[in-house]
Structure formats: structure tokens, C-alpha cells
Amino acid sequence: MKHIEPPSPDQCTKPPLFMIGKNSQGHWVVQDDRGLCGGLFVDRTQALKFAMFENGHRPQAVIMIPGVFELSTTRPAHRLPSNDNAPRHRQIV
């Protein structure tokens, strides 16, 4: 019988990081850093509620994105959106 090693910590899935911002039409956008989960919301409260629920209620895993933040279905899984006009810091909710 073949011995199977347990997965390394790097291979275990960590809870996703969620980004929240407003799109060009004024809707609130939520998207995880993997590009697998997200949505459009009419207000910040509902966007934040969704992000917190999806990430296991971890406020340190929610980032507010300044400037325009559009929902993307093609964003690479591990990259935050670039915004040339926005400051280079991230604000945690």
C-alpha cells in the first residue's frame, strides 16, 4: 500500500481576500482575489455583508479599493486590480 503524505500548508486553501469598491456606474462591487466569487450591490452595507459572510467573517481579509473598481470575470486569480489614479496603499475595513 502506498503511503500518502498530508497536504503541505501551502497547498491548503486559505480563505480568500475580498475587494470592495464602486464601479463607474456607482454600484458597489465585491470580488475575491481569485476571481471566483463576487457580485454587484446597491449599497456598501450589503457589499460588506456579502464579503464578510463569504470569507468567514474575517474583517482583515476585506480591502476597500479606491477609485473605480469594475467587476471582472477574466481577472487573474491572485492579482489586485491596478488603478493608476489611486493611492498605492490598501485600506482594511
C-alpha atoms as a PDB file:
ATOM      1  CA  MET A   1       0.000   0.000   0.000  1.00  0.00           C
ATOM      2  CA  LYS A   2       1.352   3.399  -0.947  1.00  0.00           C
ATOM      3  CA  HIS A   3       1.942   5.966   1.817  1.00  0.00           C
ATOM      4  CA  ILE A   4       0.139   9.266   1.187  1.00  0.00           C
ATOM      5  CA  GLU A   5       1.626  12.461   2.597  1.00  0.00           C
ATOM      6  CA  PRO A   6      -0.722  15.041   4.116  1.00  0.00           C
ATOM      7  CA  PRO A   7      -1.011  18.248   2.116  1.00  0.00           C
ATOM      8  CA  SER A   8       1.522  20.940   2.891  1.00  0.00           C
ATOM      9  CA  PRO A   9       0.257  24.211   4.395  1.00  0.00           C
ATOM     10  CA  ASP A  10       0.915  25.896   1.033  1.00  0.00           C
ATOM     11  CA  GLN A  11      -1.485  23.532  -0.680  1.00  0.00           C
ATOM     12  CA  CYS A  12      -4.311  24.042   1.807  1.00  0.00           C
ATOM     13  CA  THR A  13      -6.847  26.545   0.705  1.00  0.00           C
ATOM     14  CA  LYS A  14      -6.760  29.758   2.653  1.00  0.00           C
ATOM     15  CA  PRO A  15      -9.834  31.962   2.928  1.00  0.00           C
ATOM     16  CA  PRO A  16      -9.977  34.404   0.041  1.00  0.00           C
ATOM     17  CA  LEU A  17      -9.258  38.099   0.232  1.00  0.00           C
ATOM     18  CA  PHE A  18     -12.244  40.215  -0.837  1.00  0.00           C
ATOM     19  CA  MET A  19     -12.034  43.597  -2.528  1.00  0.00           C
ATOM     20  CA  ILE A  20     -14.863  46.143  -2.352  1.00  0.00           C
ATOM     21  CA  GLY A  21     -15.212  49.311  -4.419  1.00  0.00           C
ATOM     22  CA  LYS A  22     -17.542  51.282  -6.663  1.00  0.00           C
ATOM     23  CA  ASN A  23     -17.796  50.768 -10.393  1.00  0.00           C
ATOM     24  CA  SER A  24     -18.181  53.519 -12.991  1.00  0.00           C
ATOM     25  CA  GLN A  25     -21.986  53.376 -12.657  1.00  0.00           C
ATOM     26  CA  GLY A  26     -21.937  53.859  -8.891  1.00  0.00           C
ATOM     27  CA  HIS A  27     -22.750  50.268  -7.920  1.00  0.00           C
ATOM     28  CA  TRP A  28     -20.760  48.537  -5.191  1.00  0.00           C
ATOM     29  CA  VAL A  29     -18.573  45.702  -6.463  1.00  0.00           C
ATOM     30  CA  VAL A  30     -17.260  42.771  -4.441  1.00  0.00           C
ATOM     31  CA  GLN A  31     -14.743  40.325  -5.863  1.00  0.00           C
ATOM     32  CA  ASP A  32     -12.404  37.805  -4.311  1.00  0.00           C
ATOM     33  CA  ASP A  33      -8.710  37.834  -5.179  1.00  0.00           C
ATOM     34  CA  ARG A  34      -9.078  34.564  -7.093  1.00  0.00           C
ATOM     35  CA  GLY A  35     -11.737  35.972  -9.402  1.00  0.00           C
ATOM     36  CA  LEU A  36     -14.113  33.158  -8.491  1.00  0.00           C
ATOM     37  CA  CYS A  37     -16.714  34.899  -6.345  1.00  0.00           C
ATOM     38  CA  GLY A  38     -18.263  38.341  -6.350  1.00  0.00           C
ATOM     39  CA  GLY A  39     -21.198  40.483  -7.281  1.00  0.00           C
ATOM     40  CA  LEU A  40     -22.802  43.898  -7.668  1.00  0.00           C
ATOM     41  CA  PHE A  41     -24.651  45.589  -4.807  1.00  0.00           C
ATOM     42  CA  VAL A  42     -26.734  48.738  -4.437  1.00  0.00           C
ATOM     43  CA  ASP A  43     -25.092  49.803  -1.172  1.00  0.00           C
ATOM     44  CA  ARG A  44     -21.864  49.420   0.765  1.00  0.00           C
ATOM     45  CA  THR A  45     -23.521  47.687   3.714  1.00  0.00           C
ATOM     46  CA  GLN A  46     -24.797  44.799   1.590  1.00  0.00           C
ATOM     47  CA  ALA A  47     -21.467  44.507  -0.248  1.00  0.00           C
ATOM     48  CA  LEU A  48     -19.584  44.317   3.040  1.00  0.00           C
ATOM     49  CA  LYS A  49     -22.091  41.849   4.496  1.00  0.00           C
ATOM     50  CA  PHE A  50     -21.593  39.556   1.485  1.00  0.00           C
ATOM     51  CA  ALA A  51     -17.785  39.780   1.640  1.00  0.00           C
ATOM     52  CA  MET A  52     -17.728  39.059   5.377  1.00  0.00           C
ATOM     53  CA  PHE A  53     -20.064  36.079   5.001  1.00  0.00           C
ATOM     54  CA  GLU A  54     -18.034  34.619   2.129  1.00  0.00           C
ATOM     55  CA  ASN A  55     -14.672  34.978   3.891  1.00  0.00           C
ATOM     56  CA  GLY A  56     -15.730  33.520   7.234  1.00  0.00           C
ATOM     57  CA  HIS A  57     -16.293  36.857   8.993  1.00  0.00           C
ATOM     58  CA  ARG A  58     -12.635  37.934   8.786  1.00  0.00           C
ATOM     59  CA  PRO A  59     -12.503  41.756   8.557  1.00  0.00           C
ATOM     60  CA  GLN A  60      -8.747  41.610   7.945  1.00  0.00           C
ATOM     61  CA  ALA A  61      -9.497  39.876   4.629  1.00  0.00           C
ATOM     62  CA  VAL A  62     -11.584  42.733   3.205  1.00  0.00           C
ATOM     63  CA  ILE A  63      -9.932  45.571   1.309  1.00  0.00           C
ATOM     64  CA  MET A  64     -11.582  48.785   0.145  1.00  0.00           C
ATOM     65  CA  ILE A  65     -10.429  49.740  -3.358  1.00  0.00           C
ATOM     66  CA  PRO A  66     -10.225  53.496  -4.029  1.00  0.00           C
ATOM     67  CA  GLY A  67     -11.265  54.835  -7.414  1.00  0.00           C
ATOM     68  CA  VAL A  68     -13.198  52.839  -9.990  1.00  0.00           C
ATOM     69  CA  PHE A  69     -13.370  49.080  -9.429  1.00  0.00           C
ATOM     70  CA  GLU A  70     -15.130  47.065 -12.126  1.00  0.00           C
ATOM     71  CA  LEU A  71     -16.360  43.502 -11.660  1.00  0.00           C
ATOM     72  CA  SER A  72     -14.268  41.211 -13.818  1.00  0.00           C
ATOM     73  CA  THR A  73     -14.766  37.636 -14.891  1.00  0.00           C
ATOM     74  CA  THR A  74     -11.337  37.453 -16.518  1.00  0.00           C
ATOM     75  CA  ARG A  75      -9.085  38.875 -13.767  1.00  0.00           C
ATOM     76  CA  PRO A  76      -6.109  36.648 -12.902  1.00  0.00           C
ATOM     77  CA  ALA A  77      -6.751  34.794  -9.669  1.00  0.00           C
ATOM     78  CA  HIS A  78      -4.065  36.343  -7.458  1.00  0.00           C
ATOM     79  CA  ARG A  79      -3.803  39.966  -8.606  1.00  0.00           C
ATOM     80  CA  LEU A  80      -5.455  43.044  -7.202  1.00  0.00           C
ATOM     81  CA  PRO A  81      -6.776  45.492  -9.798  1.00  0.00           C
ATOM     82  CA  SER A  82      -4.454  48.262 -10.853  1.00  0.00           C
ATOM     83  CA  ASN A  83      -5.690  51.811 -10.697  1.00  0.00           C
ATOM     84  CA  ASP A  84      -3.208  54.413 -11.906  1.00  0.00           C
ATOM     85  CA  ASN A  85      -5.051  57.301 -10.232  1.00  0.00           C
ATOM     86  CA  ALA A  86      -5.452  55.634  -6.840  1.00  0.00           C
ATOM     87  CA  PRO A  87      -3.022  55.801  -3.926  1.00  0.00           C
ATOM     88  CA  ARG A  88      -0.707  52.808  -3.620  1.00  0.00           C
ATOM     89  CA  HIS A  89      -1.905  51.761  -0.165  1.00  0.00           C
ATOM     90  CA  ARG A  90      -4.703  49.406   0.788  1.00  0.00           C
ATOM     91  CA  GLN A  91      -7.259  50.253   3.407  1.00  0.00           C
ATOM     92  CA  ILE A  92      -8.609  47.430   5.512  1.00  0.00           C
ATOM     93  CA  VAL A  93     -12.227  47.738   6.599  1.00  0.00           C
END
